[in-house]
Amino acid sequence: MEFGLGSLQQAELVFLGTGTSVGVPVIGCKCRTCTSSDPRDKRTRCSALLRLPRGNLLIDASPDLRAQLLREDISVVHAVLFTHAHADHVLGLDDLRVVAYHLGREVPLYCTLQVAETLRRMFSYAFDPHPDQKASRPRVRFNTIGQGPFEVLGVSVVPVPLDHGGCPVLGFRSGRFAYCTDVNSIPEPSWELLRGLELLVLDCLRITPHPTHFCLEESLEVIRRLRPARAFLTHVSHEVPHEELSRKLPPGVEVAWDGLRVPVKVQKSPVGTTTP
């Protein structure tokens, strides 16, 4: 697949959360990372946001979403992409109640049919056809992600199928940027979707191997094969502190941290395309 250079536009990637499903510090843990005074060792659950010319595009809604948006002074989200339906990536959906109020309409959600079905079960009160009219619930609208590119907020997004220990997960690419969290294997056809990147965000749970996430050496092998100009590691555990992990990395590879903002180049949608 070719990704043209002529239709790129500048955007900003905001790392809302860069930690694992339990976050860092871990409850009850007194390790050197969890007790560190380095603010980069405070890692909320994994989520990111693209600040685009036409609005804010959220990638996953972590359980820490409210605190993340307040911390970054982000008052509204215009659309949401979901990588998969594990709790640490979707439990912030209820925080979209306030977002819908600010938008004055439903918040568009982009995900696979399987993820939509899981969200309908997990948040059944939000989709009850006969709701308690006194109850406040998130106003959202599902948009199904298929196999090909789709348009949202004026940009073209390519879904990248990934494997997360047997659980199908989507990464997302737009222009020269790709975001791939919660992955321990990249299906062969997806490698081609990740060629020619300037910036890759990639899962790296810890130094030692894990059955459902890339460990450090596996992440670095992916980066060596894809050769992006720059790469950031995310979904990082408390196994080693940020500074120590950073010293283990080759040039061009960095550990992401909560609140980090990075310029990215995304793909503009074709002229005339209508998106939320």
Protein backbone atom coordinates (compact mmCIF):
# COMPACT_ATOMS: atom_id res chain seq x y z
CA MET A 1 0.00 0.00 0.00
CA GLU A 2 1.29 3.43 -0.93
CA PHE A 3 0.91 6.39 1.42
CA GLY A 4 1.20 9.60 -0.59
CA LEU A 5 3.29 12.50 0.60
CA GLY A 6 1.28 15.22 -1.11
CA SER A 7 -1.76 15.03 1.17
CA LEU A 8 -0.14 15.13 4.60
CA GLN A 9 -0.99 17.66 7.29
CA GLN A 10 0.54 18.50 10.64
CA ALA A 11 -1.05 17.28 13.87
CA GLU A 12 0.00 16.79 17.48
CA LEU A 13 0.06 13.51 19.37
CA VAL A 14 -0.61 13.77 23.11
CA PHE A 15 0.29 10.76 25.24
CA LEU A 16 -2.52 10.73 27.80
CA GLY A 17 -1.41 7.47 29.42
CA THR A 18 1.60 5.21 28.87
CA GLY A 19 1.20 2.57 31.57
CA THR A 20 -0.10 -0.97 31.86
CA SER A 21 -3.55 -2.22 32.85
CA VAL A 22 -2.76 -1.63 36.54
CA GLY A 23 -0.95 1.67 36.05
CA VAL A 24 2.25 2.83 37.72
CA PRO A 25 2.62 3.11 40.69
CA VAL A 26 0.98 -0.27 41.24
CA ILE A 27 -1.31 -0.49 44.26
CA GLY A 28 0.65 -1.84 47.24
CA CYS A 29 4.00 -1.96 45.42
CA LYS A 30 7.12 -0.41 46.97
CA CYS A 31 9.57 -1.10 44.14
CA ARG A 32 12.00 1.60 42.99
CA THR A 33 9.80 2.57 40.04
CA CYS A 34 6.59 2.79 42.06
CA THR A 35 8.33 4.90 44.72
CA SER A 36 10.29 7.00 42.21
CA SER A 37 10.19 10.80 42.37
CA ASP A 38 10.63 11.04 38.59
CA PRO A 39 7.26 12.27 37.20
CA ARG A 40 7.85 10.15 34.09
CA ASP A 41 7.41 7.07 36.32
CA LYS A 42 3.79 8.03 37.02
CA ARG A 43 2.08 6.13 34.20
CA THR A 44 -1.71 6.13 33.90
CA ARG A 45 -3.54 3.57 31.77
CA CYS A 46 -2.73 3.60 28.06
CA SER A 47 -4.46 6.19 25.86
CA ALA A 48 -3.52 8.90 23.36
CA LEU A 49 -5.08 11.84 21.57
CA LEU A 50 -4.47 13.40 18.16
CA ARG A 51 -5.01 17.14 18.02
CA LEU A 52 -6.16 17.65 14.42
CA PRO A 53 -7.18 20.79 12.53
CA ARG A 54 -10.81 19.63 12.70
CA GLY A 55 -10.89 18.38 16.29
CA ASN A 56 -9.53 16.03 18.92
CA LEU A 57 -9.37 12.33 18.08
CA LEU A 58 -9.05 10.07 21.12
CA ILE A 59 -7.42 6.64 20.85
CA ASP A 60 -8.95 4.43 23.58
CA ALA A 61 -10.80 5.60 26.68
CA SER A 62 -8.84 4.39 29.68
CA PRO A 63 -10.22 4.21 33.24
CA ASP A 64 -8.09 7.32 33.92
CA LEU A 65 -9.63 9.36 31.09
CA ARG A 66 -11.20 12.08 33.25
CA ALA A 67 -7.94 12.79 35.07
CA GLN A 68 -5.95 12.64 31.84
CA LEU A 69 -8.13 15.19 30.04
CA LEU A 70 -8.11 17.51 33.05
CA ARG A 71 -4.32 17.20 33.38
CA GLU A 72 -3.83 18.15 29.71
CA ASP A 73 -6.52 20.86 29.74
CA ILE A 74 -8.45 19.12 26.97
CA SER A 75 -12.10 20.09 27.28
CA VAL A 76 -13.66 18.19 24.39
CA VAL A 77 -13.19 15.05 22.30
CA HIS A 78 -14.76 14.96 18.84
CA ALA A 79 -14.38 11.24 18.06
CA VAL A 80 -12.90 8.06 19.55
CA LEU A 81 -10.96 5.14 18.04
CA PHE A 82 -10.91 1.86 19.99
CA THR A 83 -8.05 -0.60 19.55
CA HIS A 84 -9.85 -3.39 21.45
CA ALA A 85 -12.26 -3.90 24.33
CA HIS A 86 -10.04 -4.78 27.29
CA ALA A 87 -11.02 -2.93 30.44
CA ASP A 88 -7.94 -0.69 30.61
CA HIS A 89 -8.77 0.68 27.15
CA VAL A 90 -12.55 1.19 27.37
CA LEU A 91 -13.70 1.82 30.95
CA GLY A 92 -13.43 5.58 30.47
CA LEU A 93 -16.38 5.48 28.07
CA ASP A 94 -18.69 6.80 30.79
CA ASP A 95 -16.58 9.98 30.98
CA LEU A 96 -17.85 10.78 27.49
CA ARG A 97 -21.14 11.89 29.08
CA VAL A 98 -19.65 15.35 29.66
CA VAL A 99 -18.01 15.32 26.22
CA ALA A 100 -21.38 14.75 24.51
CA TYR A 101 -22.81 17.65 26.52
CA HIS A 102 -20.08 19.97 25.22
CA LEU A 103 -20.47 18.70 21.65
CA GLY A 104 -24.25 19.00 21.74
CA ARG A 105 -24.51 15.64 19.99
CA GLU A 106 -23.53 12.00 20.23
CA VAL A 107 -19.82 11.19 20.34
CA PRO A 108 -18.83 9.07 17.31
CA LEU A 109 -17.01 5.84 18.24
CA TYR A 110 -14.97 3.91 15.67
CA CYS A 111 -14.38 0.22 16.37
CA THR A 112 -14.95 -3.28 15.03
CA LEU A 113 -18.34 -5.00 15.34
CA GLN A 114 -16.89 -7.30 18.02
CA VAL A 115 -15.71 -4.36 20.13
CA ALA A 116 -19.08 -2.62 19.71
CA GLU A 117 -20.89 -5.74 20.93
CA THR A 118 -18.63 -5.95 23.98
CA LEU A 119 -19.14 -2.27 24.80
CA ARG A 120 -22.91 -2.69 24.54
CA ARG A 121 -22.71 -5.47 27.14
CA MET A 122 -20.26 -3.69 29.43
CA PHE A 123 -22.24 -0.42 29.34
CA SER A 124 -25.72 -1.88 28.94
CA TYR A 125 -27.30 1.06 30.76
CA ALA A 126 -26.10 3.36 27.97
CA PHE A 127 -27.83 1.33 25.28
CA ASP A 128 -31.01 0.22 27.07
CA PRO A 129 -33.92 0.92 24.66
CA HIS A 130 -36.09 1.79 27.68
CA PRO A 131 -33.75 3.77 29.92
CA ASP A 132 -34.49 5.40 33.22
CA GLN A 133 -35.07 8.94 31.97
CA LYS A 134 -33.62 10.35 35.17
CA ALA A 135 -30.30 8.58 34.68
CA SER A 136 -27.42 10.26 32.92
CA ARG A 137 -25.71 8.10 30.33
CA PRO A 138 -23.10 8.58 27.60
CA ARG A 139 -24.51 9.61 24.23
CA VAL A 140 -22.44 7.78 21.64
CA ARG A 141 -22.82 6.50 18.10
CA PHE A 142 -20.98 3.49 16.68
CA ASN A 143 -19.18 3.55 13.34
CA THR A 144 -17.93 0.14 12.19
CA ILE A 145 -14.30 -0.25 11.18
CA GLY A 146 -13.88 -2.67 8.30
CA GLN A 147 -10.73 -3.87 6.55
CA GLY A 148 -9.91 -0.74 4.59
CA PRO A 149 -9.16 2.92 5.32
CA PHE A 150 -11.84 5.16 6.78
CA GLU A 151 -12.22 8.91 7.28
CA VAL A 152 -12.70 10.76 10.57
CA LEU A 153 -12.27 14.45 11.42
CA GLY A 154 -10.78 15.20 8.04
CA VAL A 155 -8.07 12.53 8.09
CA SER A 156 -7.77 9.10 6.52
CA VAL A 157 -7.04 6.27 8.97
CA VAL A 158 -5.79 2.80 8.06
CA PRO A 159 -6.68 0.00 10.53
CA VAL A 160 -3.71 -2.32 11.16
CA PRO A 161 -4.67 -5.83 12.39
CA LEU A 162 -2.48 -7.01 15.27
CA ASP A 163 -2.45 -9.96 17.64
CA HIS A 164 -2.54 -9.58 21.43
CA GLY A 165 -1.97 -13.11 22.72
CA GLY A 166 -4.82 -14.49 20.64
CA CYS A 167 -7.02 -11.40 20.99
CA PRO A 168 -7.46 -9.43 17.75
CA VAL A 169 -6.44 -5.80 18.18
CA LEU A 170 -6.25 -2.85 15.80
CA GLY A 171 -3.36 -0.48 15.43
CA PHE A 172 -3.99 2.74 13.51
CA ARG A 173 -1.97 4.49 10.82
CA SER A 174 -2.49 7.92 9.30
CA GLY A 175 0.12 9.37 6.97
CA ARG A 176 3.59 8.83 8.39
CA PHE A 177 2.35 8.02 11.91
CA ALA A 178 1.20 4.71 13.44
CA TYR A 179 0.00 3.73 16.92
CA CYS A 180 0.28 0.04 17.89
CA THR A 181 -0.39 -0.86 21.51
CA ASP A 182 -1.22 -4.21 23.16
CA VAL A 183 0.51 -6.48 20.65
CA ASN A 184 2.81 -9.48 20.81
CA SER A 185 2.66 -10.49 17.13
CA ILE A 186 2.22 -8.63 13.85
CA PRO A 187 0.45 -10.66 11.13
CA GLU A 188 2.47 -10.78 7.92
CA PRO A 189 0.04 -8.65 5.83
CA SER A 190 0.18 -5.88 8.46
CA TRP A 191 3.92 -5.33 8.06
CA GLU A 192 3.30 -3.70 4.70
CA LEU A 193 0.81 -1.31 6.33
CA LEU A 194 3.58 -0.09 8.63
CA ARG A 195 6.27 0.68 6.05
CA GLY A 196 7.66 4.18 5.54
CA LEU A 197 6.80 5.64 8.96
CA GLU A 198 8.32 8.76 10.44
CA LEU A 199 6.91 8.00 13.87
CA LEU A 200 5.86 4.66 15.38
CA VAL A 201 4.31 4.23 18.82
CA LEU A 202 4.75 0.62 19.90
CA ASP A 203 3.84 -1.61 22.83
CA CYS A 204 6.73 -2.54 25.15
CA LEU A 205 5.49 -3.96 28.42
CA ARG A 206 8.79 -4.83 30.09
CA ILE A 207 12.34 -6.16 29.70
CA THR A 208 11.43 -9.81 30.28
CA PRO A 209 9.15 -11.77 27.89
CA HIS A 210 5.37 -11.74 28.30
CA PRO A 211 2.70 -13.96 26.66
CA THR A 212 0.53 -11.12 25.32
CA HIS A 213 2.80 -8.06 24.94
CA PHE A 214 6.10 -7.30 23.25
CA CYS A 215 9.07 -7.24 25.60
CA LEU A 216 11.94 -4.84 24.98
CA GLU A 217 13.96 -7.01 22.59
CA GLU A 218 10.84 -7.89 20.58
CA SER A 219 9.86 -4.23 20.30
CA LEU A 220 13.37 -3.29 19.17
CA GLU A 221 13.33 -6.07 16.58
CA VAL A 222 10.07 -4.68 15.13
CA ILE A 223 11.64 -1.21 15.02
CA ARG A 224 14.76 -2.56 13.32
CA ARG A 225 12.61 -4.23 10.68
CA LEU A 226 10.32 -1.24 10.03
CA ARG A 227 13.02 1.43 10.42
CA PRO A 228 10.82 4.40 11.37
CA ALA A 229 12.64 7.71 11.74
CA ARG A 230 11.53 7.84 15.36
CA ALA A 231 9.84 5.38 17.74
CA PHE A 232 8.21 5.68 21.17
CA LEU A 233 7.56 2.79 23.54
CA THR A 234 4.27 2.75 25.45
CA HIS A 235 2.18 0.49 27.74
CA VAL A 236 5.24 0.27 30.00
CA SER A 237 5.19 -1.59 33.33
CA HIS A 238 6.99 -0.86 36.59
CA GLU A 239 9.75 -3.40 35.92
CA VAL A 240 12.37 -0.68 35.43
CA PRO A 241 12.30 3.11 35.95
CA HIS A 242 11.96 5.41 32.95
CA GLU A 243 15.54 6.69 33.10
CA GLU A 244 17.05 3.20 33.31
CA LEU A 245 14.94 1.89 30.44
CA SER A 246 15.87 4.94 28.34
CA ARG A 247 19.58 4.11 28.72
CA LYS A 248 18.98 0.69 27.16
CA LEU A 249 17.58 2.14 23.92
CA PRO A 250 19.33 2.79 20.61
CA PRO A 251 19.24 6.24 18.93
CA GLY A 252 15.83 7.17 17.62
CA VAL A 253 13.94 5.07 20.19
CA GLU A 254 12.47 6.69 23.31
CA VAL A 255 10.22 5.80 26.22
CA ALA A 256 6.95 7.73 26.07
CA TRP A 257 5.62 9.38 29.21
CA ASP A 258 2.30 10.81 30.32
CA GLY A 259 1.84 14.33 28.97
CA LEU A 260 4.46 14.05 26.22
CA ARG A 261 3.43 15.92 23.05
CA VAL A 262 4.97 15.06 19.68
CA PRO A 263 4.31 16.53 16.19
CA VAL A 264 3.09 13.98 13.63
CA LYS A 265 2.14 14.00 9.95
CA VAL A 266 -1.28 12.53 9.19
CA GLN A 267 -3.10 11.82 5.94
CA LYS A 268 -5.77 14.27 4.82
CA SER A 269 -9.09 12.83 3.69
CA PRO A 270 -10.01 13.18 0.03
CA VAL A 271 -11.66 16.52 -0.83
CA GLY A 272 -15.39 16.37 -0.30
CA THR A 273 -15.36 13.55 2.24
CA THR A 274 -17.87 14.12 5.02
CA THR A 275 -16.88 12.95 8.51
CA PRO A 276 -18.08 13.73 12.02
